[in-house]
C-alpha cells in the first residue's frame, strides 16, 4: 500500500501539467536596471504584434517585469521599438 502512494507521487511530478517553474533571467544575471536602449534584448519580451509578454510566458519576477514594461514603453516612445506590428 505504501509503495502505491510513492508511485502516485512520482506520476504527479512527471505530469505535463506540473512544469518546472521558470527562473527570472534578470535575477540570475543580477541585473539592477533594465536599460531601454538595449532594444534587441527588449524585443524578446515583446510579441510580434507589439504587445509586452506577460510574466507567465517570460518567467520574469514581478519587480523585473515592472521595470521591463517601463523600459519597453520608453523604447517605444523614442521609436526604438514599434507600438504595433506592420
Foldseek 3Di string as FASTA:
>chain_A
DVVVVVVVVVCVCPDPVDDDQAAAPCVVVVPDADALVPLVVLVVQADLQGHGHDCRVRRHDPVVSVRSVVSSVVNCVVVVGPNGHD
